[in-house]
C-alpha atoms as a PDB file:
ATOM      1  CA  UNK A   1    -252.997  32.848-151.838  1.00  0.00           C
ATOM      2  CA  UNK A   2    -256.317  34.448-152.757  1.00  0.00           C
ATOM      3  CA  UNK A   3    -257.640  34.083-156.304  1.00  0.00           C
ATOM      4  CA  UNK A   4    -259.636  37.126-157.404  1.00  0.00           C
ATOM      5  CA  UNK A   5    -261.902  36.257-160.345  1.00  0.00           C
ATOM      6  CA  UNK A   6    -263.089  39.175-162.481  1.00  0.00           C
ATOM      7  CA  UNK A   7    -265.431  38.534-165.445  1.00  0.00           C
ATOM      8  CA  UNK A   8    -264.913  41.252-168.064  1.00  0.00           C
ATOM      9  CA  UNK A   9    -267.434  42.311-170.696  1.00  0.00           C
ATOM     10  CA  UNK A  10    -268.178  45.763-172.151  1.00  0.00           C
ATOM     11  CA  UNK A  11    -266.778  47.788-169.233  1.00  0.00           C
ATOM     12  CA  UNK A  12    -263.863  49.822-170.650  1.00  0.00           C
ATOM     13  CA  UNK A  13    -264.860  52.899-168.640  1.00  0.00           C
ATOM     14  CA  UNK A  14    -264.890  50.966-165.334  1.00  0.00           C
ATOM     15  CA  UNK A  15    -262.197  48.331-165.778  1.00  0.00           C
ATOM     16  CA  UNK A  16    -259.181  50.396-164.753  1.00  0.00           C
ATOM     17  CA  UNK A  17    -260.802  51.439-161.480  1.00  0.00           C
ATOM     18  CA  UNK A  18    -261.700  47.825-160.699  1.00  0.00           C
ATOM     19  CA  UNK A  19    -258.304  46.321-161.498  1.00  0.00           C
ATOM     20  CA  UNK A  20    -256.349  49.033-159.689  1.00  0.00           C
ATOM     21  CA  UNK A  21    -258.456  48.558-156.549  1.00  0.00           C
ATOM     22  CA  UNK A  22    -257.439  44.894-156.563  1.00  0.00           C
ATOM     23  CA  UNK A  23    -253.783  45.514-157.388  1.00  0.00           C
ATOM     24  CA  UNK A  24    -253.548  48.004-154.523  1.00  0.00           C
ATOM     25  CA  UNK A  25    -254.799  45.607-151.854  1.00  0.00           C
ATOM     26  CA  UNK A  26    -252.861  45.576-148.588  1.00  0.00           C
ATOM     27  CA  UNK A  27    -253.023  41.780-148.842  1.00  0.00           C
ATOM     28  CA  UNK A  28    -250.583  41.126-151.675  1.00  0.00           C
ATOM     29  CA  UNK A  29    -250.505  37.317-152.092  1.00  0.00           C
ATOM     30  CA  UNK A  30    -253.017  37.447-154.931  1.00  0.00           C
ATOM     31  CA  UNK A  31    -253.773  35.728-158.187  1.00  0.00           C
ATOM     32  CA  UNK A  32    -255.887  38.162-160.235  1.00  0.00           C
ATOM     33  CA  UNK A  33    -257.771  36.338-162.983  1.00  0.00           C
ATOM     34  CA  UNK A  34    -259.307  38.594-165.641  1.00  0.00           C
ATOM     35  CA  UNK A  35    -261.721  36.615-167.802  1.00  0.00           C
ATOM     36  CA  UNK A  36    -262.362  38.425-171.083  1.00  0.00           C
ATOM     37  CA  UNK A  37    -265.748  37.014-172.060  1.00  0.00           C
ATOM     38  CA  UNK A  38    -265.450  37.942-175.728  1.00  0.00           C
ATOM     39  CA  UNK A  39    -265.803  41.666-175.061  1.00  0.00           C
ATOM     40  CA  UNK A  40    -266.148  43.507-178.433  1.00  0.00           C
ATOM     41  CA  UNK A  41    -264.280  46.662-177.374  1.00  0.00           C
ATOM     42  CA  UNK A  42    -260.944  47.658-175.832  1.00  0.00           C
ATOM     43  CA  UNK A  43    -261.334  45.392-172.790  1.00  0.00           C
ATOM     44  CA  UNK A  44    -259.280  42.454-174.180  1.00  0.00           C
ATOM     45  CA  UNK A  45    -256.316  44.716-174.948  1.00  0.00           C
ATOM     46  CA  UNK A  46    -256.684  46.446-171.571  1.00  0.00           C
ATOM     47  CA  UNK A  47    -256.548  43.077-169.800  1.00  0.00           C
ATOM     48  CA  UNK A  48    -253.364  42.091-171.657  1.00  0.00           C
ATOM     49  CA  UNK A  49    -251.782  45.433-170.773  1.00  0.00           C
ATOM     50  CA  UNK A  50    -252.543  44.906-167.067  1.00  0.00           C
ATOM     51  CA  UNK A  51    -250.899  41.472-167.206  1.00  0.00           C
ATOM     52  CA  UNK A  52    -247.702  43.039-168.555  1.00  0.00           C
ATOM     53  CA  UNK A  53    -247.649  45.484-165.625  1.00  0.00           C
ATOM     54  CA  UNK A  54    -248.364  42.976-162.847  1.00  0.00           C
ATOM     55  CA  UNK A  55    -247.158  39.359-162.824  1.00  0.00           C
ATOM     56  CA  UNK A  56    -250.001  38.419-160.470  1.00  0.00           C
ATOM     57  CA  UNK A  57    -252.518  39.007-163.266  1.00  0.00           C
ATOM     58  CA  UNK A  58    -253.648  36.101-165.431  1.00  0.00           C
ATOM     59  CA  UNK A  59    -255.809  36.772-168.496  1.00  0.00           C
ATOM     60  CA  UNK A  60    -258.246  34.284-170.009  1.00  0.00           C
ATOM     61  CA  UNK A  61    -259.759  35.118-173.410  1.00  0.00           C
ATOM     62  CA  UNK A  62    -262.869  33.196-174.423  1.00  0.00           C
ATOM     63  CA  UNK A  63    -265.907  33.494-176.663  1.00  0.00           C
ATOM     64  CA  UNK A  64    -268.870  35.199-175.083  1.00  0.00           C
ATOM     65  CA  UNK A  65    -270.617  32.744-172.786  1.00  0.00           C
ATOM     66  CA  UNK A  66    -272.139  34.962-170.152  1.00  0.00           C
ATOM     67  CA  UNK A  67    -271.352  35.795-166.552  1.00  0.00           C
ATOM     68  CA  UNK A  68    -271.610  32.232-165.254  1.00  0.00           C
ATOM     69  CA  UNK A  69    -269.278  30.869-167.923  1.00  0.00           C
ATOM     70  CA  UNK A  70    -266.744  33.625-167.222  1.00  0.00           C
ATOM     71  CA  UNK A  71    -266.719  33.004-163.482  1.00  0.00           C
ATOM     72  CA  UNK A  72    -266.501  29.252-164.044  1.00  0.00           C
ATOM     73  CA  UNK A  73    -263.509  29.715-166.366  1.00  0.00           C
ATOM     74  CA  UNK A  74    -261.726  31.605-163.615  1.00  0.00           C
ATOM     75  CA  UNK A  75    -262.754  29.001-161.048  1.00  0.00           C
ATOM     76  CA  UNK A  76    -261.438  26.179-163.228  1.00  0.00           C
ATOM     77  CA  UNK A  77    -258.029  27.836-163.596  1.00  0.00           C
ATOM     78  CA  UNK A  78    -257.516  29.354-160.146  1.00  0.00           C
ATOM     79  CA  UNK A  79    -254.829  28.222-157.705  1.00  0.00           C
ATOM     80  CA  UNK A  80    -255.677  30.125-154.542  1.00  0.00           C
ATOM     81  CA  UNK A  81    -256.583  28.759-151.132  1.00  0.00           C
ATOM     82  CA  UNK A  82    -259.463  31.240-151.099  1.00  0.00           C
ATOM     83  CA  UNK A  83    -261.681  32.567-153.901  1.00  0.00           C
ATOM     84  CA  UNK A  84    -263.408  35.936-154.264  1.00  0.00           C
ATOM     85  CA  UNK A  85    -265.463  37.282-157.182  1.00  0.00           C
ATOM     86  CA  UNK A  86    -265.353  40.961-158.124  1.00  0.00           C
ATOM     87  CA  UNK A  87    -267.529  42.348-160.912  1.00  0.00           C
ATOM     88  CA  UNK A  88    -265.565  44.450-163.385  1.00  0.00           C
ATOM     89  CA  UNK A  89    -267.696  47.590-162.991  1.00  0.00           C
ATOM     90  CA  UNK A  90    -267.309  47.477-159.202  1.00  0.00           C
ATOM     91  CA  UNK A  91    -264.317  48.051-156.952  1.00  0.00           C
ATOM     92  CA  UNK A  92    -263.130  47.248-153.447  1.00  0.00           C
ATOM     93  CA  UNK A  93    -261.514  49.120-150.583  1.00  0.00           C
ATOM     94  CA  UNK A  94    -257.794  48.549-150.248  1.00  0.00           C
ATOM     95  CA  UNK A  95    -257.970  46.443-147.072  1.00  0.00           C
ATOM     96  CA  UNK A  96    -261.011  44.340-148.003  1.00  0.00           C
ATOM     97  CA  UNK A  97    -259.210  41.101-148.832  1.00  0.00           C
ATOM     98  CA  UNK A  98    -256.871  41.389-145.841  1.00  0.00           C
ATOM     99  CA  UNK A  99    -259.886  41.852-143.562  1.00  0.00           C
ATOM    100  CA  UNK A 100    -261.786  38.892-145.037  1.00  0.00           C
ATOM    101  CA  UNK A 101    -258.765  36.558-144.840  1.00  0.00           C
ATOM    102  CA  UNK A 102    -258.294  37.530-141.194  1.00  0.00           C
ATOM    103  CA  UNK A 103    -261.995  36.883-140.647  1.00  0.00           C
ATOM    104  CA  UNK A 104    -261.797  33.322-141.958  1.00  0.00           C
ATOM    105  CA  UNK A 105    -258.632  32.554-140.013  1.00  0.00           C
ATOM    106  CA  UNK A 106    -259.566  34.254-136.733  1.00  0.00           C
ATOM    107  CA  UNK A 107    -263.115  32.904-136.582  1.00  0.00           C
ATOM    108  CA  UNK A 108    -262.440  29.499-138.181  1.00  0.00           C
ATOM    109  CA  UNK A 109    -265.013  30.311-140.878  1.00  0.00           C
ATOM    110  CA  UNK A 110    -265.585  28.826-144.319  1.00  0.00           C
ATOM    111  CA  UNK A 111    -266.907  32.071-145.843  1.00  0.00           C
ATOM    112  CA  UNK A 112    -266.284  35.715-144.917  1.00  0.00           C
ATOM    113  CA  UNK A 113    -268.703  38.347-146.198  1.00  0.00           C
ATOM    114  CA  UNK A 114    -268.558  42.135-146.384  1.00  0.00           C
ATOM    115  CA  UNK A 115    -271.497  44.496-146.765  1.00  0.00           C
ATOM    116  CA  UNK A 116    -271.354  47.095-149.524  1.00  0.00           C
ATOM    117  CA  UNK A 117    -271.862  50.625-150.725  1.00  0.00           C
ATOM    118  CA  UNK A 118    -274.317  51.243-153.542  1.00  0.00           C
ATOM    119  CA  UNK A 119    -272.837  53.563-156.177  1.00  0.00           C
ATOM    120  CA  UNK A 120    -275.273  55.319-158.543  1.00  0.00           C
ATOM    121  CA  UNK A 121    -273.831  57.957-160.905  1.00  0.00           C
ATOM    122  CA  UNK A 122    -270.702  57.999-158.723  1.00  0.00           C
ATOM    123  CA  UNK A 123    -272.784  58.864-155.636  1.00  0.00           C
ATOM    124  CA  UNK A 124    -272.364  56.309-152.900  1.00  0.00           C
ATOM    125  CA  UNK A 125    -275.139  55.228-150.565  1.00  0.00           C
ATOM    126  CA  UNK A 126    -274.035  53.469-147.408  1.00  0.00           C
ATOM    127  CA  UNK A 127    -275.899  50.236-146.723  1.00  0.00           C
ATOM    128  CA  UNK A 128    -275.721  48.228-143.499  1.00  0.00           C
ATOM    129  CA  UNK A 129    -272.700  49.980-142.008  1.00  0.00           C
ATOM    130  CA  UNK A 130    -273.063  49.294-138.282  1.00  0.00           C
ATOM    131  CA  UNK A 131    -269.476  48.089-138.047  1.00  0.00           C
ATOM    132  CA  UNK A 132    -270.658  44.993-136.211  1.00  0.00           C
ATOM    133  CA  UNK A 133    -269.254  41.521-136.811  1.00  0.00           C
ATOM    134  CA  UNK A 134    -271.598  38.523-136.862  1.00  0.00           C
ATOM    135  CA  UNK A 135    -270.176  35.021-136.697  1.00  0.00           C
ATOM    136  CA  UNK A 136    -271.707  31.609-136.178  1.00  0.00           C
ATOM    137  CA  UNK A 137    -272.848  28.330-137.621  1.00  0.00           C
ATOM    138  CA  UNK A 138    -274.390  28.637-141.075  1.00  0.00           C
ATOM    139  CA  UNK A 139    -277.851  27.825-139.755  1.00  0.00           C
ATOM    140  CA  UNK A 140    -277.624  30.753-137.351  1.00  0.00           C
ATOM    141  CA  UNK A 141    -276.301  33.126-140.034  1.00  0.00           C
ATOM    142  CA  UNK A 142    -278.878  32.546-142.787  1.00  0.00           C
ATOM    143  CA  UNK A 143    -281.323  35.180-141.542  1.00  0.00           C
ATOM    144  CA  UNK A 144    -278.550  37.773-141.121  1.00  0.00           C
ATOM    145  CA  UNK A 145    -277.270  37.148-144.643  1.00  0.00           C
ATOM    146  CA  UNK A 146    -280.620  37.309-146.425  1.00  0.00           C
ATOM    147  CA  UNK A 147    -282.118  40.083-144.292  1.00  0.00           C
ATOM    148  CA  UNK A 148    -279.157  42.265-145.223  1.00  0.00           C
ATOM    149  CA  UNK A 149    -279.283  41.497-148.961  1.00  0.00           C
ATOM    150  CA  UNK A 150    -275.985  39.611-149.038  1.00  0.00           C
ATOM    151  CA  UNK A 151    -276.906  36.880-151.519  1.00  0.00           C
ATOM    152  CA  UNK A 152    -274.765  38.209-154.400  1.00  0.00           C
ATOM    153  CA  UNK A 153    -271.744  36.323-155.761  1.00  0.00           C
ATOM    154  CA  UNK A 154    -269.368  39.176-154.920  1.00  0.00           C
ATOM    155  CA  UNK A 155    -268.101  40.474-151.543  1.00  0.00           C
ATOM    156  CA  UNK A 156    -267.526  36.919-150.284  1.00  0.00           C
ATOM    157  CA  UNK A 157    -264.214  35.229-149.579  1.00  0.00           C
ATOM    158  CA  UNK A 158    -264.778  31.489-149.956  1.00  0.00           C
ATOM    159  CA  UNK A 159    -262.626  28.516-149.086  1.00  0.00           C
ATOM    160  CA  UNK A 160    -261.407  26.828-152.251  1.00  0.00           C
ATOM    161  CA  UNK A 161    -263.119  23.455-151.782  1.00  0.00           C
ATOM    162  CA  UNK A 162    -266.509  25.093-151.234  1.00  0.00           C
ATOM    163  CA  UNK A 163    -266.168  27.393-154.250  1.00  0.00           C
ATOM    164  CA  UNK A 164    -265.143  24.472-156.472  1.00  0.00           C
ATOM    165  CA  UNK A 165    -268.146  22.469-155.262  1.00  0.00           C
ATOM    166  CA  UNK A 166    -270.476  25.283-156.310  1.00  0.00           C
ATOM    167  CA  UNK A 167    -269.856  26.372-159.919  1.00  0.00           C
ATOM    168  CA  UNK A 168    -272.367  28.695-161.533  1.00  0.00           C
ATOM    169  CA  UNK A 169    -275.127  27.357-163.763  1.00  0.00           C
ATOM    170  CA  UNK A 170    -274.455  28.323-167.355  1.00  0.00           C
ATOM    171  CA  UNK A 171    -276.706  30.877-169.097  1.00  0.00           C
ATOM    172  CA  UNK A 172    -278.837  31.370-166.007  1.00  0.00           C
ATOM    173  CA  UNK A 173    -280.173  34.824-165.149  1.00  0.00           C
ATOM    174  CA  UNK A 174    -279.954  35.623-161.403  1.00  0.00           C
ATOM    175  CA  UNK A 175    -277.047  33.193-161.250  1.00  0.00           C
ATOM    176  CA  UNK A 176    -275.836  34.475-157.876  1.00  0.00           C
ATOM    177  CA  UNK A 177    -279.314  34.220-156.330  1.00  0.00           C
ATOM    178  CA  UNK A 178    -279.142  30.527-157.237  1.00  0.00           C
ATOM    179  CA  UNK A 179    -275.496  30.013-156.289  1.00  0.00           C
ATOM    180  CA  UNK A 180    -275.372  31.523-152.800  1.00  0.00           C
ATOM    181  CA  UNK A 181    -277.847  29.069-151.195  1.00  0.00           C
ATOM    182  CA  UNK A 182    -275.650  26.191-152.353  1.00  0.00           C
ATOM    183  CA  UNK A 183    -272.540  27.899-150.977  1.00  0.00           C
ATOM    184  CA  UNK A 184    -274.208  28.267-147.595  1.00  0.00           C
ATOM    185  CA  UNK A 185    -275.324  24.642-147.509  1.00  0.00           C
ATOM    186  CA  UNK A 186    -271.737  23.534-148.194  1.00  0.00           C
ATOM    187  CA  UNK A 187    -270.352  25.695-145.376  1.00  0.00           C
ATOM    188  CA  UNK A 188    -270.346  25.130-141.619  1.00  0.00           C
ATOM    189  CA  UNK A 189    -269.379  28.532-140.234  1.00  0.00           C
ATOM    190  CA  UNK A 190    -269.670  32.078-141.600  1.00  0.00           C
ATOM    191  CA  UNK A 191    -268.510  35.551-140.555  1.00  0.00           C
ATOM    192  CA  UNK A 192    -270.184  38.760-141.766  1.00  0.00           C
ATOM    193  CA  UNK A 193    -268.566  42.200-141.498  1.00  0.00           C
ATOM    194  CA  UNK A 194    -271.000  45.133-141.590  1.00  0.00           C
ATOM    195  CA  UNK A 195    -268.247  47.378-142.925  1.00  0.00           C
ATOM    196  CA  UNK A 196    -268.998  48.291-146.557  1.00  0.00           C
ATOM    197  CA  UNK A 197    -265.673  47.329-148.099  1.00  0.00           C
ATOM    198  CA  UNK A 198    -267.245  46.479-151.484  1.00  0.00           C
ATOM    199  CA  UNK A 199    -268.606  49.195-153.807  1.00  0.00           C
ATOM    200  CA  UNK A 200    -271.365  47.969-156.099  1.00  0.00           C
ATOM    201  CA  UNK A 201    -272.005  50.094-159.202  1.00  0.00           C
ATOM    202  CA  UNK A 202    -275.537  50.372-160.601  1.00  0.00           C
ATOM    203  CA  UNK A 203    -275.560  50.972-164.361  1.00  0.00           C
ATOM    204  CA  UNK A 204    -278.714  51.754-166.342  1.00  0.00           C
ATOM    205  CA  UNK A 205    -277.562  49.491-169.184  1.00  0.00           C
ATOM    206  CA  UNK A 206    -276.555  46.591-166.969  1.00  0.00           C
ATOM    207  CA  UNK A 207    -278.315  43.258-166.662  1.00  0.00           C
ATOM    208  CA  UNK A 208    -279.622  44.355-163.272  1.00  0.00           C
ATOM    209  CA  UNK A 209    -281.101  47.459-164.855  1.00  0.00           C
ATOM    210  CA  UNK A 210    -283.052  45.305-167.277  1.00  0.00           C
ATOM    211  CA  UNK A 211    -284.253  43.098-164.434  1.00  0.00           C
ATOM    212  CA  UNK A 212    -286.034  46.072-162.901  1.00  0.00           C
ATOM    213  CA  UNK A 213    -288.569  46.052-165.751  1.00  0.00           C
ATOM    214  CA  UNK A 214    -289.422  42.393-166.167  1.00  0.00           C
ATOM    215  CA  UNK A 215    -288.460  39.129-164.549  1.00  0.00           C
ATOM    216  CA  UNK A 216    -287.216  35.999-166.278  1.00  0.00           C
ATOM    217  CA  UNK A 217    -288.894  32.691-165.534  1.00  0.00           C
ATOM    218  CA  UNK A 218    -285.500  31.656-164.149  1.00  0.00           C
ATOM    219  CA  UNK A 219    -286.335  33.529-160.965  1.00  0.00           C
ATOM    220  CA  UNK A 220    -289.382  31.359-160.241  1.00  0.00           C
ATOM    221  CA  UNK A 221    -287.435  28.177-160.970  1.00  0.00           C
ATOM    222  CA  UNK A 222    -284.594  29.259-158.676  1.00  0.00           C
ATOM    223  CA  UNK A 223    -287.139  29.996-155.952  1.00  0.00           C
ATOM    224  CA  UNK A 224    -288.568  26.484-156.244  1.00  0.00           C
ATOM    225  CA  UNK A 225    -285.120  24.850-156.221  1.00  0.00           C
ATOM    226  CA  UNK A 226    -284.002  26.874-153.208  1.00  0.00           C
ATOM    227  CA  UNK A 227    -287.105  25.963-151.204  1.00  0.00           C
ATOM    228  CA  UNK A 228    -286.445  22.306-151.955  1.00  0.00           C
ATOM    229  CA  UNK A 229    -282.740  22.680-151.116  1.00  0.00           C
ATOM    230  CA  UNK A 230    -283.411  24.094-147.644  1.00  0.00           C
ATOM    231  CA  UNK A 231    -286.233  21.660-146.953  1.00  0.00           C
ATOM    232  CA  UNK A 232    -283.721  18.832-147.378  1.00  0.00           C
ATOM    233  CA  UNK A 233    -281.343  20.326-144.811  1.00  0.00           C
ATOM    234  CA  UNK A 234    -281.622  19.464-141.071  1.00  0.00           C
ATOM    235  CA  UNK A 235    -282.159  23.125-140.189  1.00  0.00           C
ATOM    236  CA  UNK A 236    -284.526  24.285-137.456  1.00  0.00           C
ATOM    237  CA  UNK A 237    -288.137  24.846-138.483  1.00  0.00           C
ATOM    238  CA  UNK A 238    -287.919  28.596-137.818  1.00  0.00           C
ATOM    239  CA  UNK A 239    -285.000  28.875-140.284  1.00  0.00           C
ATOM    240  CA  UNK A 240    -286.956  27.022-142.958  1.00  0.00           C
ATOM    241  CA  UNK A 241    -289.973  29.262-142.291  1.00  0.00           C
ATOM    242  CA  UNK A 242    -287.790  32.350-142.584  1.00  0.00           C
ATOM    243  CA  UNK A 243    -286.409  31.184-145.933  1.00  0.00           C
ATOM    244  CA  UNK A 244    -289.874  30.338-147.263  1.00  0.00           C
ATOM    245  CA  UNK A 245    -291.096  33.802-146.231  1.00  0.00           C
ATOM    246  CA  UNK A 246    -288.056  35.527-147.730  1.00  0.00           C
ATOM    247  CA  UNK A 247    -288.186  33.634-151.017  1.00  0.00           C
ATOM    248  CA  UNK A 248    -291.898  34.257-151.561  1.00  0.00           C
ATOM    249  CA  UNK A 249    -291.509  37.917-150.618  1.00  0.00           C
ATOM    250  CA  UNK A 250    -288.833  38.321-153.297  1.00  0.00           C
ATOM    251  CA  UNK A 251    -290.897  36.315-155.782  1.00  0.00           C
ATOM    252  CA  UNK A 252    -293.961  38.536-155.332  1.00  0.00           C
ATOM    253  CA  UNK A 253    -291.864  41.707-155.428  1.00  0.00           C
ATOM    254  CA  UNK A 254    -290.737  40.609-158.892  1.00  0.00           C
ATOM    255  CA  UNK A 255    -294.298  39.559-159.748  1.00  0.00           C
ATOM    256  CA  UNK A 256    -295.440  43.122-159.028  1.00  0.00           C
ATOM    257  CA  UNK A 257    -292.595  44.580-161.081  1.00  0.00           C
ATOM    258  CA  UNK A 258    -293.450  42.346-164.025  1.00  0.00           C
ATOM    259  CA  UNK A 259    -297.187  43.086-164.150  1.00  0.00           C
ATOM    260  CA  UNK A 260    -296.388  46.782-164.418  1.00  0.00           C
ATOM    261  CA  UNK A 261    -294.526  46.204-167.678  1.00  0.00           C
ATOM    262  CA  UNK A 262    -296.185  43.133-169.193  1.00  0.00           C
ATOM    263  CA  UNK A 263    -299.846  43.252-170.192  1.00  0.00           C
ATOM    264  CA  UNK A 264    -300.208  39.479-170.473  1.00  0.00           C
ATOM    265  CA  UNK A 265    -301.419  37.530-167.481  1.00  0.00           C
ATOM    266  CA  UNK A 266    -299.949  34.494-169.276  1.00  0.00           C
ATOM    267  CA  UNK A 267    -296.361  35.723-168.976  1.00  0.00           C
ATOM    268  CA  UNK A 268    -294.200  32.645-168.257  1.00  0.00           C
ATOM    269  CA  UNK A 269    -292.719  34.021-165.035  1.00  0.00           C
ATOM    270  CA  UNK A 270    -296.159  35.036-163.760  1.00  0.00           C
ATOM    271  CA  UNK A 271    -297.571  31.581-164.526  1.00  0.00           C
ATOM    272  CA  UNK A 272    -294.696  29.779-162.808  1.00  0.00           C
ATOM    273  CA  UNK A 273    -295.019  32.056-159.779  1.00  0.00           C
ATOM    274  CA  UNK A 274    -298.697  31.208-159.401  1.00  0.00           C
ATOM    275  CA  UNK A 275    -297.915  27.499-159.704  1.00  0.00           C
ATOM    276  CA  UNK A 276    -295.419  27.841-156.872  1.00  0.00           C
ATOM    277  CA  UNK A 277    -297.955  29.597-154.659  1.00  0.00           C
ATOM    278  CA  UNK A 278    -300.421  26.791-155.264  1.00  0.00           C
ATOM    279  CA  UNK A 279    -297.822  24.059-154.746  1.00  0.00           C
ATOM    280  CA  UNK A 280    -296.691  25.476-151.392  1.00  0.00           C
ATOM    281  CA  UNK A 281    -300.076  26.785-150.246  1.00  0.00           C
ATOM    282  CA  UNK A 282    -300.136  24.714-147.051  1.00  0.00           C
ATOM    283  CA  UNK A 283    -296.640  25.898-146.098  1.00  0.00           C
ATOM    284  CA  UNK A 284    -297.213  29.638-146.512  1.00  0.00           C
ATOM    285  CA  UNK A 285    -300.730  29.493-145.123  1.00  0.00           C
ATOM    286  CA  UNK A 286    -299.474  27.915-141.879  1.00  0.00           C
ATOM    287  CA  UNK A 287    -296.297  29.986-141.633  1.00  0.00           C
ATOM    288  CA  UNK A 288    -295.972  32.287-138.604  1.00  0.00           C
ATOM    289  CA  UNK A 289    -293.369  34.305-140.542  1.00  0.00           C
ATOM    290  CA  UNK A 290    -295.914  35.425-143.170  1.00  0.00           C
ATOM    291  CA  UNK A 291    -298.568  37.934-142.121  1.00  0.00           C
ATOM    292  CA  UNK A 292    -302.290  37.799-142.846  1.00  0.00           C
ATOM    293  CA  UNK A 293    -302.137  40.522-145.503  1.00  0.00           C
ATOM    294  CA  UNK A 294    -299.461  38.701-147.473  1.00  0.00           C
ATOM    295  CA  UNK A 295    -301.427  35.460-147.259  1.00  0.00           C
ATOM    296  CA  UNK A 296    -304.517  37.150-148.703  1.00  0.00           C
ATOM    297  CA  UNK A 297    -302.432  38.610-151.536  1.00  0.00           C
ATOM    298  CA  UNK A 298    -300.856  35.243-152.276  1.00  0.00           C
ATOM    299  CA  UNK A 299    -304.264  33.567-152.445  1.00  0.00           C
ATOM    300  CA  UNK A 300    -305.603  36.213-154.827  1.00  0.00           C
ATOM    301  CA  UNK A 301    -302.540  35.964-157.056  1.00  0.00           C
ATOM    302  CA  UNK A 302    -302.738  32.171-157.152  1.00  0.00           C
ATOM    303  CA  UNK A 303    -306.461  31.770-157.820  1.00  0.00           C
ATOM    304  CA  UNK A 304    -307.728  35.137-159.122  1.00  0.00           C
ATOM    305  CA  UNK A 305    -304.764  36.626-161.013  1.00  0.00           C
ATOM    306  CA  UNK A 306    -306.779  38.934-163.297  1.00  0.00           C
ATOM    307  CA  UNK A 307    -308.673  40.457-160.374  1.00  0.00           C
ATOM    308  CA  UNK A 308    -305.456  40.863-158.391  1.00  0.00           C
ATOM    309  CA  UNK A 309    -303.659  42.427-161.347  1.00  0.00           C
ATOM    310  CA  UNK A 310    -306.417  44.992-161.923  1.00  0.00           C
ATOM    311  CA  UNK A 311    -306.604  45.878-158.239  1.00  0.00           C
ATOM    312  CA  UNK A 312    -302.825  46.146-157.872  1.00  0.00           C
ATOM    313  CA  UNK A 313    -302.362  48.341-160.944  1.00  0.00           C
ATOM    314  CA  UNK A 314    -305.254  50.589-159.902  1.00  0.00           C
ATOM    315  CA  UNK A 315    -303.785  51.123-156.451  1.00  0.00           C
ATOM    316  CA  UNK A 316    -300.264  51.696-157.847  1.00  0.00           C
ATOM    317  CA  UNK A 317    -301.203  53.704-160.935  1.00  0.00           C
ATOM    318  CA  UNK A 318    -299.084  56.702-159.983  1.00  0.00           C
ATOM    319  CA  UNK A 319    -296.006  54.439-159.638  1.00  0.00           C
ATOM    320  CA  UNK A 320    -296.177  52.737-163.047  1.00  0.00           C
END
């Protein structure tokens, strides 16, 4: 059995599409857990109505606790051999779960991952659709996963014991960015399908939409914890260098986004980011995975933030 965990909050216009895409899966041995996270609209009643139509649907009603709490509630109550998370404003192709189950069983994997379509105003943009299948030990798959932007909670079929070992941290923003590294560390073998069987919906009023304007300090703290997590693992040096390069690249991308919208150089996220650059200066300075230009930028950000901010905003004025 596969347990499909769907956190539900303020998505009445998307919920039917999501639930029907799960109900119509070609793989039918499902437990569909709808977690109503205190949604103040028609979503609770919609969830109860779905449960009356399909005995595979289980509804959990709880006070609003956020995305992590909703997923954890589903995780705590699930019975499936495999777990998959689907966000309630997204939907999946009808053979996605069947394909991922076959992937785990045929390749003896702990996690099976699908790439995704990006849906903006109902227009879909295909991302990473080569049709290729990548499979291997986790250490060998890390670069493929992160290079292709597959660090989200959704679009992953996970063996039960691994999912249960990796609950989400409560009230954390970027909860999946924190959770996925732990999932990978707990796994031994992973398969990735470049097939776009998950459709991710971008909403202007979503949490992700708000993230595009300013970054929470959580992001810097997750970056630090993830660096430490991978440094403790017996991975090859080139894998650790790749992760350090990737994590700092994402950190500085968000640093740039934040300085466009926040006039204070003392913003908490900006301060924590600079502390990280200083703490790991020897590592990124010696890294072959980080180019000279990035190293110069990192040094300026760390030690001359006001000068860097002025120079960056001047050179990107037309984009602010």
